C-alpha atoms as a PDB file:
ATOM      1  CA  MET A   1      83.729 108.316 103.885  1.00  0.00           C
ATOM      2  CA  ALA A   2      80.121 108.672 103.584  1.00  0.00           C
ATOM      3  CA  LYS A   3      78.330 111.723 105.425  1.00  0.00           C
ATOM      4  CA  TYR A   4      76.119 109.218 106.889  1.00  0.00           C
ATOM      5  CA  PRO A   5      76.920 105.547 107.415  1.00  0.00           C
ATOM      6  CA  TYR A   6      74.039 103.750 105.758  1.00  0.00           C
ATOM      7  CA  ARG A   7      73.434 100.374 107.030  1.00  0.00           C
ATOM      8  CA  ILE A   8      73.858  97.524 104.435  1.00  0.00           C
ATOM      9  CA  LEU A   9      73.362  94.097 104.819  1.00  0.00           C
ATOM     10  CA  ILE A  10      75.008  91.483 102.444  1.00  0.00           C
ATOM     11  CA  ALA A  11      73.214  88.031 102.407  1.00  0.00           C
ATOM     12  CA  ASP A  12      75.502  85.541 100.324  1.00  0.00           C
ATOM     13  CA  ARG A  13      76.015  81.898 100.458  1.00  0.00           C
ATOM     14  CA  ASN A  14      79.699  82.199  99.742  1.00  0.00           C
ATOM     15  CA  ARG A  15      81.715  83.483 102.783  1.00  0.00           C
ATOM     16  CA  HIS A  16      84.587  84.863 100.542  1.00  0.00           C
ATOM     17  CA  VAL A  17      81.997  87.003  98.523  1.00  0.00           C
ATOM     18  CA  ARG A  18      80.528  88.259 101.820  1.00  0.00           C
ATOM     19  CA  GLU A  19      83.922  89.263 103.292  1.00  0.00           C
ATOM     20  CA  PHE A  20      85.047  90.645 100.158  1.00  0.00           C
ATOM     21  CA  LEU A  21      81.893  92.922  99.630  1.00  0.00           C
ATOM     22  CA  ARG A  22      81.984  93.775 103.285  1.00  0.00           C
ATOM     23  CA  ARG A  23      85.457  95.171 102.846  1.00  0.00           C
ATOM     24  CA  GLU A  24      84.791  97.011  99.582  1.00  0.00           C
ATOM     25  CA  LEU A  25      81.734  98.850 100.786  1.00  0.00           C
ATOM     26  CA  THR A  26      83.112  99.580 104.334  1.00  0.00           C
ATOM     27  CA  ALA A  27      85.893 101.296 102.583  1.00  0.00           C
ATOM     28  CA  GLU A  28      83.210 103.471 100.900  1.00  0.00           C
ATOM     29  CA  GLY A  29      82.057 104.705 104.250  1.00  0.00           C
ATOM     30  CA  TYR A  30      79.028 102.162 104.675  1.00  0.00           C
ATOM     31  CA  ARG A  31      78.342 100.079 107.762  1.00  0.00           C
ATOM     32  CA  VAL A  32      78.003  96.611 106.616  1.00  0.00           C
ATOM     33  CA  GLU A  33      76.802  93.360 108.147  1.00  0.00           C
ATOM     34  CA  VAL A  34      76.650  90.068 106.561  1.00  0.00           C
ATOM     35  CA  ALA A  35      74.202  87.076 106.762  1.00  0.00           C
ATOM     36  CA  ARG A  36      75.067  83.622 105.449  1.00  0.00           C
ATOM     37  CA  ASP A  37      71.617  82.337 105.208  1.00  0.00           C
ATOM     38  CA  GLY A  38      67.837  83.299 105.506  1.00  0.00           C
ATOM     39  CA  ARG A  39      67.804  82.684 109.275  1.00  0.00           C
ATOM     40  CA  GLU A  40      70.647  85.251 109.861  1.00  0.00           C
ATOM     41  CA  LEU A  41      69.130  87.689 107.285  1.00  0.00           C
ATOM     42  CA  LEU A  42      65.634  87.624 109.116  1.00  0.00           C
ATOM     43  CA  GLY A  43      67.425  88.117 112.508  1.00  0.00           C
ATOM     44  CA  LYS A  44      69.253  91.429 111.251  1.00  0.00           C
ATOM     45  CA  ILE A  45      66.377  92.807 109.658  1.00  0.00           C
ATOM     46  CA  ASN A  46      64.222  92.226 112.580  1.00  0.00           C
ATOM     47  CA  GLY A  47      66.908  93.346 114.996  1.00  0.00           C
ATOM     48  CA  ASP A  48      67.268  96.588 116.932  1.00  0.00           C
ATOM     49  CA  ASP A  49      69.371  98.357 114.102  1.00  0.00           C
ATOM     50  CA  PRO A  50      67.893  96.979 110.693  1.00  0.00           C
ATOM     51  CA  PRO A  51      69.780  97.545 107.487  1.00  0.00           C
ATOM     52  CA  GLN A  52      68.716 100.480 105.064  1.00  0.00           C
ATOM     53  CA  LEU A  53      69.611  98.344 102.076  1.00  0.00           C
ATOM     54  CA  LEU A  54      69.968  94.476 101.315  1.00  0.00           C
ATOM     55  CA  ILE A  55      72.224  92.842  98.956  1.00  0.00           C
ATOM     56  CA  LEU A  56      70.885  89.437  98.255  1.00  0.00           C
ATOM     57  CA  ASP A  57      72.244  86.305  96.758  1.00  0.00           C
ATOM     58  CA  LEU A  58      69.063  84.477  95.570  1.00  0.00           C
ATOM     59  CA  GLU A  59      70.697  81.083  96.302  1.00  0.00           C
ATOM     60  CA  ILE A  60      71.307  81.558 100.107  1.00  0.00           C
ATOM     61  CA  PRO A  61      70.153  78.750 102.223  1.00  0.00           C
ATOM     62  CA  TYR A  62      66.557  78.982 103.810  1.00  0.00           C
ATOM     63  CA  LEU A  63      65.295  81.578 101.413  1.00  0.00           C
ATOM     64  CA  GLU A  64      62.307  79.708 100.424  1.00  0.00           C
ATOM     65  CA  GLU A  65      61.833  77.607 103.581  1.00  0.00           C
ATOM     66  CA  LEU A  66      61.500  80.645 105.857  1.00  0.00           C
ATOM     67  CA  GLN A  67      59.390  82.717 103.212  1.00  0.00           C
ATOM     68  CA  VAL A  68      62.026  85.319 103.356  1.00  0.00           C
ATOM     69  CA  TRP A  69      60.278  87.401 100.376  1.00  0.00           C
ATOM     70  CA  ALA A  70      57.133  87.370 102.370  1.00  0.00           C
ATOM     71  CA  ARG A  71      58.604  88.667 105.391  1.00  0.00           C
ATOM     72  CA  LEU A  72      60.765  91.304 103.367  1.00  0.00           C
ATOM     73  CA  GLN A  73      57.543  92.491 101.999  1.00  0.00           C
ATOM     74  CA  GLU A  74      56.193  93.282 105.535  1.00  0.00           C
ATOM     75  CA  CYS A  75      59.185  95.666 106.361  1.00  0.00           C
ATOM     76  CA  GLN A  76      58.206  99.056 107.355  1.00  0.00           C
ATOM     77  CA  PRO A  77      59.519 101.036 105.929  1.00  0.00           C
ATOM     78  CA  PRO A  78      60.184  99.020 102.778  1.00  0.00           C
ATOM     79  CA  LEU A  79      63.702  97.573 102.631  1.00  0.00           C
ATOM     80  CA  PRO A  80      65.082  98.275  99.004  1.00  0.00           C
ATOM     81  CA  VAL A  81      66.945  95.031  97.779  1.00  0.00           C
ATOM     82  CA  VAL A  82      69.775  94.502  95.273  1.00  0.00           C
ATOM     83  CA  ILE A  83      69.791  91.085  93.700  1.00  0.00           C
ATOM     84  CA  HIS A  84      73.248  90.112  93.398  1.00  0.00           C
ATOM     85  CA  THR A  85      73.376  86.702  91.771  1.00  0.00           C
ATOM     86  CA  PHE A  86      74.685  84.617  88.740  1.00  0.00           C
ATOM     87  CA  LEU A  87      71.983  85.899  86.432  1.00  0.00           C
ATOM     88  CA  PRO A  88      72.406  82.972  83.962  1.00  0.00           C
ATOM     89  CA  GLU A  89      70.988  80.776  86.615  1.00  0.00           C
ATOM     90  CA  TYR A  90      67.760  82.531  86.177  1.00  0.00           C
ATOM     91  CA  PRO A  91      65.210  83.140  83.418  1.00  0.00           C
ATOM     92  CA  LEU A  92      65.395  86.535  81.518  1.00  0.00           C
ATOM     93  CA  ASN A  93      61.863  87.408  82.567  1.00  0.00           C
ATOM     94  CA  LEU A  94      62.517  86.707  86.321  1.00  0.00           C
ATOM     95  CA  THR A  95      60.561  89.254  88.416  1.00  0.00           C
ATOM     96  CA  VAL A  96      61.386  89.538  92.102  1.00  0.00           C
ATOM     97  CA  PRO A  97      59.003  91.445  94.361  1.00  0.00           C
ATOM     98  CA  MET A  98      60.816  94.552  96.032  1.00  0.00           C
ATOM     99  CA  ALA A  99      64.112  94.386  93.784  1.00  0.00           C
ATOM    100  CA  ALA A 100      65.408  97.729  93.364  1.00  0.00           C
ATOM    101  CA  ALA A 101      68.131  96.498  91.124  1.00  0.00           C
ATOM    102  CA  PHE A 102      69.650  93.265  89.521  1.00  0.00           C
ATOM    103  CA  LEU A 103      73.267  92.909  89.459  1.00  0.00           C
ATOM    104  CA  GLU A 104      75.119  89.939  87.848  1.00  0.00           C
ATOM    105  CA  LYS A 105      77.834  88.535  90.111  1.00  0.00           C
ATOM    106  CA  LYS A 106      81.107  88.923  87.980  1.00  0.00           C
ATOM    107  CA  GLY A 107      83.591  90.703  90.305  1.00  0.00           C
ATOM    108  CA  ASP A 108      82.820  94.221  89.141  1.00  0.00           C
ATOM    109  CA  THR A 109      82.752  96.033  92.517  1.00  0.00           C
ATOM    110  CA  ASP A 110      82.644  99.575  90.611  1.00  0.00           C
ATOM    111  CA  GLN A 111      79.285  98.586  89.308  1.00  0.00           C
ATOM    112  CA  LEU A 112      78.107  97.288  92.507  1.00  0.00           C
ATOM    113  CA  LYS A 113      79.304 100.660  94.334  1.00  0.00           C
ATOM    114  CA  SER A 114      77.617 102.486  91.756  1.00  0.00           C
ATOM    115  CA  VAL A 115      74.152 100.498  92.126  1.00  0.00           C
ATOM    116  CA  VAL A 116      74.270 100.705  95.847  1.00  0.00           C
ATOM    117  CA  ALA A 117      74.820 104.587  95.789  1.00  0.00           C
ATOM    118  CA  GLU A 118      71.904 105.091  93.128  1.00  0.00           C
ATOM    119  CA  VAL A 119      69.576 102.670  95.159  1.00  0.00           C
ATOM    120  CA  ILE A 120      70.332 104.625  98.382  1.00  0.00           C
ATOM    121  CA  LYS A 121      69.851 108.118  96.677  1.00  0.00           C
ATOM    122  CA  LYS A 122      66.486 107.061  95.049  1.00  0.00           C
ATOM    123  CA  ASN A 123      65.203 105.519  98.619  1.00  0.00           C
ATOM    124  CA  TYR A 124      66.539 108.141 101.014  1.00  0.00           C
ATOM    125  CA  PRO A 125      66.480 111.439  99.324  1.00  0.00           C
ATOM    126  CA  GLN A 126      66.471 113.212 102.609  1.00  0.00           C
ATOM    127  CA  GLY A 127      69.646 111.536 103.826  1.00  0.00           C
ATOM    128  CA  GLY A 128      70.316 108.909 106.304  1.00  0.00           C
ATOM    129  CA  THR A 129      67.197 108.674 108.331  1.00  0.00           C
ATOM    130  CA  THR A 130      64.577 106.088 107.575  1.00  0.00           C
ATOM    131  CA  ALA A 131      60.839 106.500 108.242  1.00  0.00           C
ATOM    132  CA  ARG A 132      61.286 104.005 111.203  1.00  0.00           C
ATOM    133  CA  GLU A 133      63.840 106.252 112.591  1.00  0.00           C
ATOM    134  CA  LYS A 134      61.743 109.400 112.084  1.00  0.00           C
ATOM    135  CA  ASN A 135      58.811 107.964 114.231  1.00  0.00           C
ATOM    136  CA  PHE A 136      60.918 107.646 117.314  1.00  0.00           C
END
């Protein structure tokens, strides 16, 4: 179990993937929530207990319509995003603002867990508190 239960939000179009990743990351000691579309994603990042990391499938519904990228860029403190998608669907020169990492969906949860740990360590070197929490 992690010393501090980092909050992770998984936004994926496939409910089986959402639940599988939730189980895997919860077993690692993270506090995990899921969102099935851009509406739920925005509700959770703007809620009372926002995530510290977002794992995002680029194909979730309402991503473009709700201008999710623009809203994510407004987050203070910045929210690190791990893009978790079928990379062959996207050009090799794809650039996504705020992406801390790109990871191809291929069922390798060990790689995902490793990337999540690296991104958290890089973005929260002082431990579990975010800048938002330090201001209260």
